[in-house]
Amino acid sequence: MKKTRWFVIACALCRAGLAHAQTPVAPDAALTDLAGRLGQTLTDGGIKRVAVLDLHGPQGESLPAGVWIADQLSSALQGQFPGLEVIDRARVKSAALEAQRDPAAAEGRTLVRTGHALGADAVVTGSYALMGQRLGITLLNTNLTHSGKLLPSVRGGMPATDEIKSLSTEEIPAFKQSVPCAGTAGISNPRCIRCPNPEYTDQARKAHYSGTVVLEVSVTPEGHTDNIVVISSPGLGLDKKSIETVKKWQFEPAKDLDDKPVATRVPIEISFRLQPGRP
């Protein structure tokens, strides 16, 4: 007679990025540095042809500053990496606009559709936000040759110059929330260093349930969890078990542009899976 074992797999939805502490530098030097680290990440990932899309504000704002940053990064990439084909930004903007015309297309699907329409191996997207007198920038790299797998992100900062501020009558966007979303606009992701798995409940075991609980959690500068919110759950007591367990998790906290620990919000997905055990 075979026995059945229950496995619980918990995973924080964080991805490590490439970054370094920032000191005030000229915008050209900052963008050159960002482009250099971005290009190295792409070439290390085997990318030959890349499209750089407009960057967005921390709440998804589409403003001229995001277009300008993408234009500058694209130009710097071309100059520093002659072996990397950087698709013309005019073509990128046209393809992105065409992909967005489908009202049913999800954001991720629009990104992939844009990249495929351009024949790109990878698509660079990103976010930026005003942080004091600097812009925090995070660049995300989607490898289209491996079913949308993400390459390491790149983050950094640059001065919020009068030139950038004058691009629009609207102010450069900043984080509206007191606790920013991790992995955006120059903020790194926290890394879980002690993450015990939650236990199955009797209800879930009897129902032979396999699925996920999704939480949104604040990670403090000390690496503790706080303000845990359930985003989706099947019930069966699994949301309560997940919250009880995540409260005990310990993180290496996220860091800002100066590499100082900061509080961030992060989504966490906890997967409960039923797998047959050995006899």
C-alpha atoms as a PDB file:
ATOM      1  CA  MET A   1       0.000   0.000   0.000  1.00  0.00           C
ATOM      2  CA  LYS A   2       1.362   3.378  -0.983  1.00  0.00           C
ATOM      3  CA  LYS A   3       1.416   6.274   1.397  1.00  0.00           C
ATOM      4  CA  THR A   4       0.811   9.871   0.428  1.00  0.00           C
ATOM      5  CA  ARG A   5       3.031  12.697   1.575  1.00  0.00           C
ATOM      6  CA  TRP A   6       2.113  16.375   1.536  1.00  0.00           C
ATOM      7  CA  PHE A   7       4.666  18.885   0.389  1.00  0.00           C
ATOM      8  CA  VAL A   8       4.461  22.627   0.975  1.00  0.00           C
ATOM      9  CA  ILE A   9       6.636  24.917  -1.109  1.00  0.00           C
ATOM     10  CA  ALA A  10       6.865  28.594  -0.151  1.00  0.00           C
ATOM     11  CA  CYS A  11       8.358  31.175  -2.464  1.00  0.00           C
ATOM     12  CA  ALA A  12       8.804  34.937  -2.128  1.00  0.00           C
ATOM     13  CA  LEU A  13       8.294  36.540  -5.520  1.00  0.00           C
ATOM     14  CA  CYS A  14      11.539  38.506  -5.480  1.00  0.00           C
ATOM     15  CA  ARG A  15      14.307  38.688  -8.036  1.00  0.00           C
ATOM     16  CA  ALA A  16      17.801  39.857  -7.231  1.00  0.00           C
ATOM     17  CA  GLY A  17      19.154  42.813  -9.191  1.00  0.00           C
ATOM     18  CA  LEU A  18      22.509  44.340  -9.989  1.00  0.00           C
ATOM     19  CA  ALA A  19      23.194  47.547  -8.114  1.00  0.00           C
ATOM     20  CA  HIS A  20      25.746  49.597  -6.251  1.00  0.00           C
ATOM     21  CA  ALA A  21      25.708  52.515  -3.828  1.00  0.00           C
ATOM     22  CA  GLN A  22      25.021  55.815  -5.534  1.00  0.00           C
ATOM     23  CA  THR A  23      26.826  59.137  -5.100  1.00  0.00           C
ATOM     24  CA  PRO A  24      25.820  62.332  -6.938  1.00  0.00           C
ATOM     25  CA  VAL A  25      27.089  62.180 -10.522  1.00  0.00           C
ATOM     26  CA  ALA A  26      26.390  63.959 -13.777  1.00  0.00           C
ATOM     27  CA  PRO A  27      23.392  62.563 -15.676  1.00  0.00           C
ATOM     28  CA  ASP A  28      25.512  61.475 -18.632  1.00  0.00           C
ATOM     29  CA  ALA A  29      27.864  59.548 -16.358  1.00  0.00           C
ATOM     30  CA  ALA A  30      24.946  57.960 -14.495  1.00  0.00           C
ATOM     31  CA  LEU A  31      23.237  56.871 -17.700  1.00  0.00           C
ATOM     32  CA  THR A  32      26.516  55.593 -19.117  1.00  0.00           C
ATOM     33  CA  ASP A  33      26.975  53.490 -15.983  1.00  0.00           C
ATOM     34  CA  LEU A  34      23.397  52.159 -16.153  1.00  0.00           C
ATOM     35  CA  ALA A  35      23.754  51.350 -19.842  1.00  0.00           C
ATOM     36  CA  GLY A  36      27.065  49.600 -19.201  1.00  0.00           C
ATOM     37  CA  ARG A  37      25.624  47.326 -16.541  1.00  0.00           C
ATOM     38  CA  LEU A  38      22.474  46.757 -18.599  1.00  0.00           C
ATOM     39  CA  GLY A  39      24.475  45.845 -21.705  1.00  0.00           C
ATOM     40  CA  GLN A  40      26.680  43.460 -19.736  1.00  0.00           C
ATOM     41  CA  THR A  41      23.613  41.704 -18.331  1.00  0.00           C
ATOM     42  CA  LEU A  42      22.133  41.339 -21.813  1.00  0.00           C
ATOM     43  CA  THR A  43      25.302  40.040 -23.431  1.00  0.00           C
ATOM     44  CA  ASP A  44      25.935  37.650 -20.542  1.00  0.00           C
ATOM     45  CA  GLY A  45      22.430  36.341 -21.195  1.00  0.00           C
ATOM     46  CA  GLY A  46      23.230  35.661 -24.839  1.00  0.00           C
ATOM     47  CA  ILE A  47      21.043  38.498 -26.152  1.00  0.00           C
ATOM     48  CA  LYS A  48      21.858  39.717 -29.669  1.00  0.00           C
ATOM     49  CA  ARG A  49      18.921  42.018 -30.451  1.00  0.00           C
ATOM     50  CA  VAL A  50      17.161  44.175 -27.854  1.00  0.00           C
ATOM     51  CA  ALA A  51      14.281  46.658 -27.705  1.00  0.00           C
ATOM     52  CA  VAL A  52      14.204  49.349 -24.995  1.00  0.00           C
ATOM     53  CA  LEU A  53      10.637  50.378 -24.115  1.00  0.00           C
ATOM     54  CA  ASP A  54       9.532  53.572 -22.383  1.00  0.00           C
ATOM     55  CA  LEU A  55      10.024  53.614 -18.620  1.00  0.00           C
ATOM     56  CA  HIS A  56       7.064  54.300 -16.322  1.00  0.00           C
ATOM     57  CA  GLY A  57       6.579  56.051 -13.017  1.00  0.00           C
ATOM     58  CA  PRO A  58       6.169  54.078  -9.768  1.00  0.00           C
ATOM     59  CA  GLN A  59       2.382  53.986 -10.189  1.00  0.00           C
ATOM     60  CA  GLY A  60       2.603  53.185 -13.902  1.00  0.00           C
ATOM     61  CA  GLU A  61       2.630  56.797 -15.109  1.00  0.00           C
ATOM     62  CA  SER A  62       3.480  57.372 -18.773  1.00  0.00           C
ATOM     63  CA  LEU A  63       5.307  60.698 -18.968  1.00  0.00           C
ATOM     64  CA  PRO A  64       7.978  62.298 -21.200  1.00  0.00           C
ATOM     65  CA  ALA A  65      10.684  61.656 -18.590  1.00  0.00           C
ATOM     66  CA  GLY A  66      10.261  57.898 -19.066  1.00  0.00           C
ATOM     67  CA  VAL A  67      10.541  58.288 -22.842  1.00  0.00           C
ATOM     68  CA  TRP A  68      13.653  60.460 -22.484  1.00  0.00           C
ATOM     69  CA  ILE A  69      15.395  57.978 -20.170  1.00  0.00           C
ATOM     70  CA  ALA A  70      14.663  55.115 -22.585  1.00  0.00           C
ATOM     71  CA  ASP A  71      15.993  57.162 -25.518  1.00  0.00           C
ATOM     72  CA  GLN A  72      19.210  57.950 -23.657  1.00  0.00           C
ATOM     73  CA  LEU A  73      19.726  54.348 -22.538  1.00  0.00           C
ATOM     74  CA  SER A  74      19.149  53.046 -26.056  1.00  0.00           C
ATOM     75  CA  SER A  75      21.695  55.488 -27.482  1.00  0.00           C
ATOM     76  CA  ALA A  76      24.251  54.668 -24.774  1.00  0.00           C
ATOM     77  CA  LEU A  77      23.814  50.928 -25.358  1.00  0.00           C
ATOM     78  CA  GLN A  78      24.517  51.367 -29.063  1.00  0.00           C
ATOM     79  CA  GLY A  79      27.698  53.292 -28.292  1.00  0.00           C
ATOM     80  CA  GLN A  80      29.077  50.914 -25.669  1.00  0.00           C
ATOM     81  CA  PHE A  81      28.085  47.557 -27.161  1.00  0.00           C
ATOM     82  CA  PRO A  82      28.573  47.551 -30.959  1.00  0.00           C
ATOM     83  CA  GLY A  83      27.949  43.790 -31.050  1.00  0.00           C
ATOM     84  CA  LEU A  84      24.483  44.261 -29.546  1.00  0.00           C
ATOM     85  CA  GLU A  85      21.784  45.281 -32.028  1.00  0.00           C
ATOM     86  CA  VAL A  86      19.626  47.934 -30.358  1.00  0.00           C
ATOM     87  CA  ILE A  87      16.356  48.374 -32.244  1.00  0.00           C
ATOM     88  CA  ASP A  88      15.587  51.944 -33.299  1.00  0.00           C
ATOM     89  CA  ARG A  89      13.454  53.681 -30.700  1.00  0.00           C
ATOM     90  CA  ALA A  90      11.016  55.062 -33.294  1.00  0.00           C
ATOM     91  CA  ARG A  91      10.217  51.488 -34.348  1.00  0.00           C
ATOM     92  CA  VAL A  92       9.916  50.416 -30.714  1.00  0.00           C
ATOM     93  CA  LYS A  93       7.421  53.182 -29.925  1.00  0.00           C
ATOM     94  CA  SER A  94       5.329  52.333 -32.989  1.00  0.00           C
ATOM     95  CA  ALA A  95       5.238  48.601 -32.180  1.00  0.00           C
ATOM     96  CA  ALA A  96       4.387  49.268 -28.517  1.00  0.00           C
ATOM     97  CA  LEU A  97       1.535  51.560 -29.529  1.00  0.00           C
ATOM     98  CA  GLU A  98       0.151  48.925 -31.893  1.00  0.00           C
ATOM     99  CA  ALA A  99       0.317  46.219 -29.191  1.00  0.00           C
ATOM    100  CA  GLN A 100      -1.504  48.461 -26.707  1.00  0.00           C
ATOM    101  CA  ARG A 101      -4.474  48.878 -29.033  1.00  0.00           C
ATOM    102  CA  ASP A 102      -5.758  45.472 -27.994  1.00  0.00           C
ATOM    103  CA  PRO A 103      -7.880  46.339 -24.922  1.00  0.00           C
ATOM    104  CA  ALA A 104      -7.903  42.688 -23.816  1.00  0.00           C
ATOM    105  CA  ALA A 105      -4.115  42.325 -23.767  1.00  0.00           C
ATOM    106  CA  ALA A 106      -2.536  42.101 -20.324  1.00  0.00           C
ATOM    107  CA  GLU A 107       0.562  44.194 -19.638  1.00  0.00           C
ATOM    108  CA  GLY A 108       2.943  41.245 -19.842  1.00  0.00           C
ATOM    109  CA  ARG A 109       1.351  40.010 -23.045  1.00  0.00           C
ATOM    110  CA  THR A 110       1.662  43.481 -24.593  1.00  0.00           C
ATOM    111  CA  LEU A 111       5.366  43.519 -23.772  1.00  0.00           C
ATOM    112  CA  VAL A 112       5.936  40.101 -25.358  1.00  0.00           C
ATOM    113  CA  ARG A 113       3.859  41.011 -28.402  1.00  0.00           C
ATOM    114  CA  THR A 114       5.897  44.182 -28.903  1.00  0.00           C
ATOM    115  CA  GLY A 115       9.169  42.278 -28.681  1.00  0.00           C
ATOM    116  CA  HIS A 116       8.069  39.579 -31.123  1.00  0.00           C
ATOM    117  CA  ALA A 117       6.798  42.183 -33.595  1.00  0.00           C
ATOM    118  CA  LEU A 118      10.277  43.735 -33.599  1.00  0.00           C
ATOM    119  CA  GLY A 119      12.139  40.440 -33.804  1.00  0.00           C
ATOM    120  CA  ALA A 120      13.876  41.175 -30.488  1.00  0.00           C
ATOM    121  CA  ASP A 121      15.614  38.571 -28.330  1.00  0.00           C
ATOM    122  CA  ALA A 122      14.894  40.645 -25.235  1.00  0.00           C
ATOM    123  CA  VAL A 123      12.799  43.614 -24.129  1.00  0.00           C
ATOM    124  CA  VAL A 124      13.949  46.155 -21.546  1.00  0.00           C
ATOM    125  CA  THR A 125      11.286  47.853 -19.443  1.00  0.00           C
ATOM    126  CA  GLY A 126      11.649  49.808 -16.266  1.00  0.00           C
ATOM    127  CA  SER A 127      10.402  52.259 -13.664  1.00  0.00           C
ATOM    128  CA  TYR A 128      11.664  55.500 -12.178  1.00  0.00           C
ATOM    129  CA  ALA A 129      10.697  57.781  -9.297  1.00  0.00           C
ATOM    130  CA  LEU A 130      11.834  61.039  -7.792  1.00  0.00           C
ATOM    131  CA  MET A 131      13.795  60.503  -4.563  1.00  0.00           C
ATOM    132  CA  GLY A 132      14.910  63.832  -3.174  1.00  0.00           C
ATOM    133  CA  GLN A 133      17.085  65.370  -5.879  1.00  0.00           C
ATOM    134  CA  ARG A 134      17.647  62.081  -7.712  1.00  0.00           C
ATOM    135  CA  LEU A 135      15.755  59.686  -9.910  1.00  0.00           C
ATOM    136  CA  GLY A 136      15.766  56.068  -8.807  1.00  0.00           C
ATOM    137  CA  ILE A 137      15.710  53.738 -11.821  1.00  0.00           C
ATOM    138  CA  THR A 138      15.118  49.991 -12.137  1.00  0.00           C
ATOM    139  CA  LEU A 139      15.486  48.180 -15.461  1.00  0.00           C
ATOM    140  CA  LEU A 140      13.833  44.795 -16.053  1.00  0.00           C
ATOM    141  CA  ASN A 141      15.045  42.523 -18.841  1.00  0.00           C
ATOM    142  CA  THR A 142      12.739  39.925 -20.363  1.00  0.00           C
ATOM    143  CA  ASN A 143      14.435  37.206 -22.412  1.00  0.00           C
ATOM    144  CA  LEU A 144      11.976  36.366 -25.209  1.00  0.00           C
ATOM    145  CA  THR A 145      14.032  33.404 -26.413  1.00  0.00           C
ATOM    146  CA  HIS A 146      13.306  31.558 -23.155  1.00  0.00           C
ATOM    147  CA  SER A 147       9.531  32.005 -22.766  1.00  0.00           C
ATOM    148  CA  GLY A 148       9.724  35.380 -21.045  1.00  0.00           C
ATOM    149  CA  LYS A 149      12.336  34.444 -18.443  1.00  0.00           C
ATOM    150  CA  LEU A 150      13.664  37.472 -16.585  1.00  0.00           C
ATOM    151  CA  LEU A 151      17.368  38.273 -16.684  1.00  0.00           C
ATOM    152  CA  PRO A 152      18.847  40.024 -13.621  1.00  0.00           C
ATOM    153  CA  SER A 153      17.458  43.516 -13.139  1.00  0.00           C
ATOM    154  CA  VAL A 154      19.676  46.597 -13.062  1.00  0.00           C
ATOM    155  CA  ARG A 155      19.115  49.566 -10.756  1.00  0.00           C
ATOM    156  CA  GLY A 156      20.756  52.887 -10.118  1.00  0.00           C
ATOM    157  CA  GLY A 157      20.151  56.620  -9.898  1.00  0.00           C
ATOM    158  CA  MET A 158      20.801  59.905 -11.655  1.00  0.00           C
ATOM    159  CA  PRO A 159      20.349  63.607 -10.852  1.00  0.00           C
ATOM    160  CA  ALA A 160      16.872  65.036 -11.399  1.00  0.00           C
ATOM    161  CA  THR A 161      18.138  67.843 -13.610  1.00  0.00           C
ATOM    162  CA  ASP A 162      16.244  70.918 -14.822  1.00  0.00           C
ATOM    163  CA  GLU A 163      16.382  69.386 -18.323  1.00  0.00           C
ATOM    164  CA  ILE A 164      14.404  66.352 -17.195  1.00  0.00           C
ATOM    165  CA  LYS A 165      11.972  68.434 -15.116  1.00  0.00           C
ATOM    166  CA  SER A 166      11.289  70.705 -18.103  1.00  0.00           C
ATOM    167  CA  LEU A 167      10.180  67.813 -20.320  1.00  0.00           C
ATOM    168  CA  SER A 168       6.623  68.080 -19.003  1.00  0.00           C
ATOM    169  CA  THR A 169       4.407  70.443 -17.046  1.00  0.00           C
ATOM    170  CA  GLU A 170       3.633  67.519 -14.742  1.00  0.00           C
ATOM    171  CA  GLU A 171       5.948  66.839 -11.841  1.00  0.00           C
ATOM    172  CA  ILE A 172       8.270  63.845 -11.948  1.00  0.00           C
ATOM    173  CA  PRO A 173       6.329  61.112 -10.118  1.00  0.00           C
ATOM    174  CA  ALA A 174       7.376  59.897  -6.693  1.00  0.00           C
ATOM    175  CA  PHE A 175       6.120  56.978  -4.607  1.00  0.00           C
ATOM    176  CA  LYS A 176       2.643  57.747  -3.283  1.00  0.00           C
ATOM    177  CA  GLN A 177       2.713  54.999  -0.685  1.00  0.00           C
ATOM    178  CA  SER A 178       4.688  55.405   2.519  1.00  0.00           C
ATOM    179  CA  VAL A 179       6.063  51.905   1.888  1.00  0.00           C
ATOM    180  CA  PRO A 180       7.184  51.508  -1.772  1.00  0.00           C
ATOM    181  CA  CYS A 181       6.870  48.372  -3.843  1.00  0.00           C
ATOM    182  CA  ALA A 182      10.100  46.367  -3.818  1.00  0.00           C
ATOM    183  CA  GLY A 183      12.088  46.046  -7.023  1.00  0.00           C
ATOM    184  CA  THR A 184      10.919  49.332  -8.556  1.00  0.00           C
ATOM    185  CA  ALA A 185      12.449  52.746  -9.233  1.00  0.00           C
ATOM    186  CA  GLY A 186      15.855  52.075  -7.729  1.00  0.00           C
ATOM    187  CA  ILE A 187      14.650  50.114  -4.683  1.00  0.00           C
ATOM    188  CA  SER A 188      16.064  46.593  -4.438  1.00  0.00           C
ATOM    189  CA  ASN A 189      14.163  43.428  -3.486  1.00  0.00           C
ATOM    190  CA  PRO A 190      14.341  41.944  -0.008  1.00  0.00           C
ATOM    191  CA  ARG A 191      15.776  38.424   0.195  1.00  0.00           C
ATOM    192  CA  CYS A 192      14.261  35.800   2.444  1.00  0.00           C
ATOM    193  CA  ILE A 193      16.931  34.173   4.603  1.00  0.00           C
ATOM    194  CA  ARG A 194      14.720  32.135   6.965  1.00  0.00           C
ATOM    195  CA  CYS A 195      11.474  30.953   5.386  1.00  0.00           C
ATOM    196  CA  PRO A 196       9.961  27.856   7.024  1.00  0.00           C
ATOM    197  CA  ASN A 197       7.097  26.196   5.158  1.00  0.00           C
ATOM    198  CA  PRO A 198       3.554  26.398   6.519  1.00  0.00           C
ATOM    199  CA  GLU A 199       1.758  23.191   7.396  1.00  0.00           C
ATOM    200  CA  TYR A 200      -1.263  21.757   5.640  1.00  0.00           C
ATOM    201  CA  THR A 201      -4.590  21.980   7.437  1.00  0.00           C
ATOM    202  CA  ASP A 202      -6.839  18.967   8.040  1.00  0.00           C
ATOM    203  CA  GLN A 203      -9.458  20.611   5.804  1.00  0.00           C
ATOM    204  CA  ALA A 204      -7.045  20.957   2.885  1.00  0.00           C
ATOM    205  CA  ARG A 205      -5.735  17.420   3.371  1.00  0.00           C
ATOM    206  CA  LYS A 206      -9.229  15.945   3.308  1.00  0.00           C
ATOM    207  CA  ALA A 207     -10.055  17.992   0.180  1.00  0.00           C
ATOM    208  CA  HIS A 208      -6.808  16.831  -1.487  1.00  0.00           C
ATOM    209  CA  TYR A 209      -6.197  20.485  -2.331  1.00  0.00           C
ATOM    210  CA  SER A 210      -3.183  21.642  -4.340  1.00  0.00           C
ATOM    211  CA  GLY A 211      -2.872  25.340  -5.097  1.00  0.00           C
ATOM    212  CA  THR A 212      -1.570  28.662  -3.857  1.00  0.00           C
ATOM    213  CA  VAL A 213      -2.113  31.414  -1.338  1.00  0.00           C
ATOM    214  CA  VAL A 214      -0.957  34.876  -2.438  1.00  0.00           C
ATOM    215  CA  LEU A 215      -0.097  37.483   0.175  1.00  0.00           C
ATOM    216  CA  GLU A 216       1.174  41.046   0.108  1.00  0.00           C
ATOM    217  CA  VAL A 217       3.632  41.727   2.904  1.00  0.00           C
ATOM    218  CA  SER A 218       5.575  44.689   4.194  1.00  0.00           C
ATOM    219  CA  VAL A 219       9.203  43.901   5.002  1.00  0.00           C
ATOM    220  CA  THR A 220      10.678  46.272   7.570  1.00  0.00           C
ATOM    221  CA  PRO A 221      14.215  47.751   7.478  1.00  0.00           C
ATOM    222  CA  GLU A 222      15.064  45.174  10.153  1.00  0.00           C
ATOM    223  CA  GLY A 223      13.929  42.339   7.866  1.00  0.00           C
ATOM    224  CA  HIS A 224      10.725  41.430   9.730  1.00  0.00           C
ATOM    225  CA  THR A 225       7.295  41.014   8.135  1.00  0.00           C
ATOM    226  CA  ASP A 226       4.383  43.331   8.871  1.00  0.00           C
ATOM    227  CA  ASN A 227       0.955  44.327   7.490  1.00  0.00           C
ATOM    228  CA  ILE A 228       0.226  40.949   5.890  1.00  0.00           C
ATOM    229  CA  VAL A 229      -2.730  41.079   3.482  1.00  0.00           C
ATOM    230  CA  VAL A 230      -4.335  38.096   1.741  1.00  0.00           C
ATOM    231  CA  ILE A 231      -4.618  38.725  -2.013  1.00  0.00           C
ATOM    232  CA  SER A 232      -6.071  35.322  -2.943  1.00  0.00           C
ATOM    233  CA  SER A 233      -6.712  32.083  -1.066  1.00  0.00           C
ATOM    234  CA  PRO A 234      -8.799  28.902  -1.463  1.00  0.00           C
ATOM    235  CA  GLY A 235      -9.771  29.061   2.195  1.00  0.00           C
ATOM    236  CA  LEU A 236      -9.579  25.685   3.964  1.00  0.00           C
ATOM    237  CA  GLY A 237      -7.619  27.396   6.716  1.00  0.00           C
ATOM    238  CA  LEU A 238      -4.572  27.784   4.457  1.00  0.00           C
ATOM    239  CA  ASP A 239      -4.604  31.588   4.531  1.00  0.00           C
ATOM    240  CA  LYS A 240      -4.463  31.556   8.353  1.00  0.00           C
ATOM    241  CA  LYS A 241      -1.622  29.009   8.323  1.00  0.00           C
ATOM    242  CA  SER A 242       0.252  31.043   5.712  1.00  0.00           C
ATOM    243  CA  ILE A 243      -0.029  34.265   7.713  1.00  0.00           C
ATOM    244  CA  GLU A 244       1.076  32.543  10.937  1.00  0.00           C
ATOM    245  CA  THR A 245       4.151  31.181   9.181  1.00  0.00           C
ATOM    246  CA  VAL A 246       5.119  34.307   7.211  1.00  0.00           C
ATOM    247  CA  LYS A 247       5.050  36.312  10.436  1.00  0.00           C
ATOM    248  CA  LYS A 248       8.080  34.245  11.486  1.00  0.00           C
ATOM    249  CA  TRP A 249      10.040  34.780   8.266  1.00  0.00           C
ATOM    250  CA  GLN A 250      13.291  36.745   8.318  1.00  0.00           C
ATOM    251  CA  PHE A 251      14.541  38.798   5.368  1.00  0.00           C
ATOM    252  CA  GLU A 252      17.621  40.645   4.286  1.00  0.00           C
ATOM    253  CA  PRO A 253      15.808  43.960   3.753  1.00  0.00           C
ATOM    254  CA  ALA A 254      15.575  45.945   0.545  1.00  0.00           C
ATOM    255  CA  LYS A 255      17.937  48.873   0.071  1.00  0.00           C
ATOM    256  CA  ASP A 256      17.616  52.354  -1.409  1.00  0.00           C
ATOM    257  CA  LEU A 257      19.992  54.215  -3.727  1.00  0.00           C
ATOM    258  CA  ASP A 258      22.450  54.725  -0.875  1.00  0.00           C
ATOM    259  CA  ASP A 259      22.321  51.036   0.068  1.00  0.00           C
ATOM    260  CA  LYS A 260      20.443  51.842   3.272  1.00  0.00           C
ATOM    261  CA  PRO A 261      17.794  49.329   4.444  1.00  0.00           C
ATOM    262  CA  VAL A 262      14.240  50.480   3.736  1.00  0.00           C
ATOM    263  CA  ALA A 263      10.736  49.122   4.251  1.00  0.00           C
ATOM    264  CA  THR A 264       9.104  47.697   1.116  1.00  0.00           C
ATOM    265  CA  ARG A 265       5.953  45.887   0.034  1.00  0.00           C
ATOM    266  CA  VAL A 266       6.404  42.516  -1.666  1.00  0.00           C
ATOM    267  CA  PRO A 267       4.040  39.823  -3.005  1.00  0.00           C
ATOM    268  CA  ILE A 268       4.555  36.323  -1.651  1.00  0.00           C
ATOM    269  CA  GLU A 269       3.141  33.164  -3.202  1.00  0.00           C
ATOM    270  CA  ILE A 270       2.870  30.032  -1.075  1.00  0.00           C
ATOM    271  CA  SER A 271       2.258  26.826  -3.012  1.00  0.00           C
ATOM    272  CA  PHE A 272       0.630  23.776  -1.466  1.00  0.00           C
ATOM    273  CA  ARG A 273       1.215  20.651  -3.553  1.00  0.00           C
ATOM    274  CA  LEU A 274       0.139  17.065  -3.134  1.00  0.00           C
ATOM    275  CA  GLN A 275       2.656  14.571  -4.472  1.00  0.00           C
ATOM    276  CA  PRO A 276       2.694  10.794  -4.218  1.00  0.00           C
ATOM    277  CA  GLY A 277       5.320   9.516  -1.799  1.00  0.00           C
ATOM    278  CA  ARG A 278       7.470   6.493  -2.011  1.00  0.00           C
ATOM    279  CA  PRO A 279       6.049   3.133  -0.908  1.00  0.00           C
END
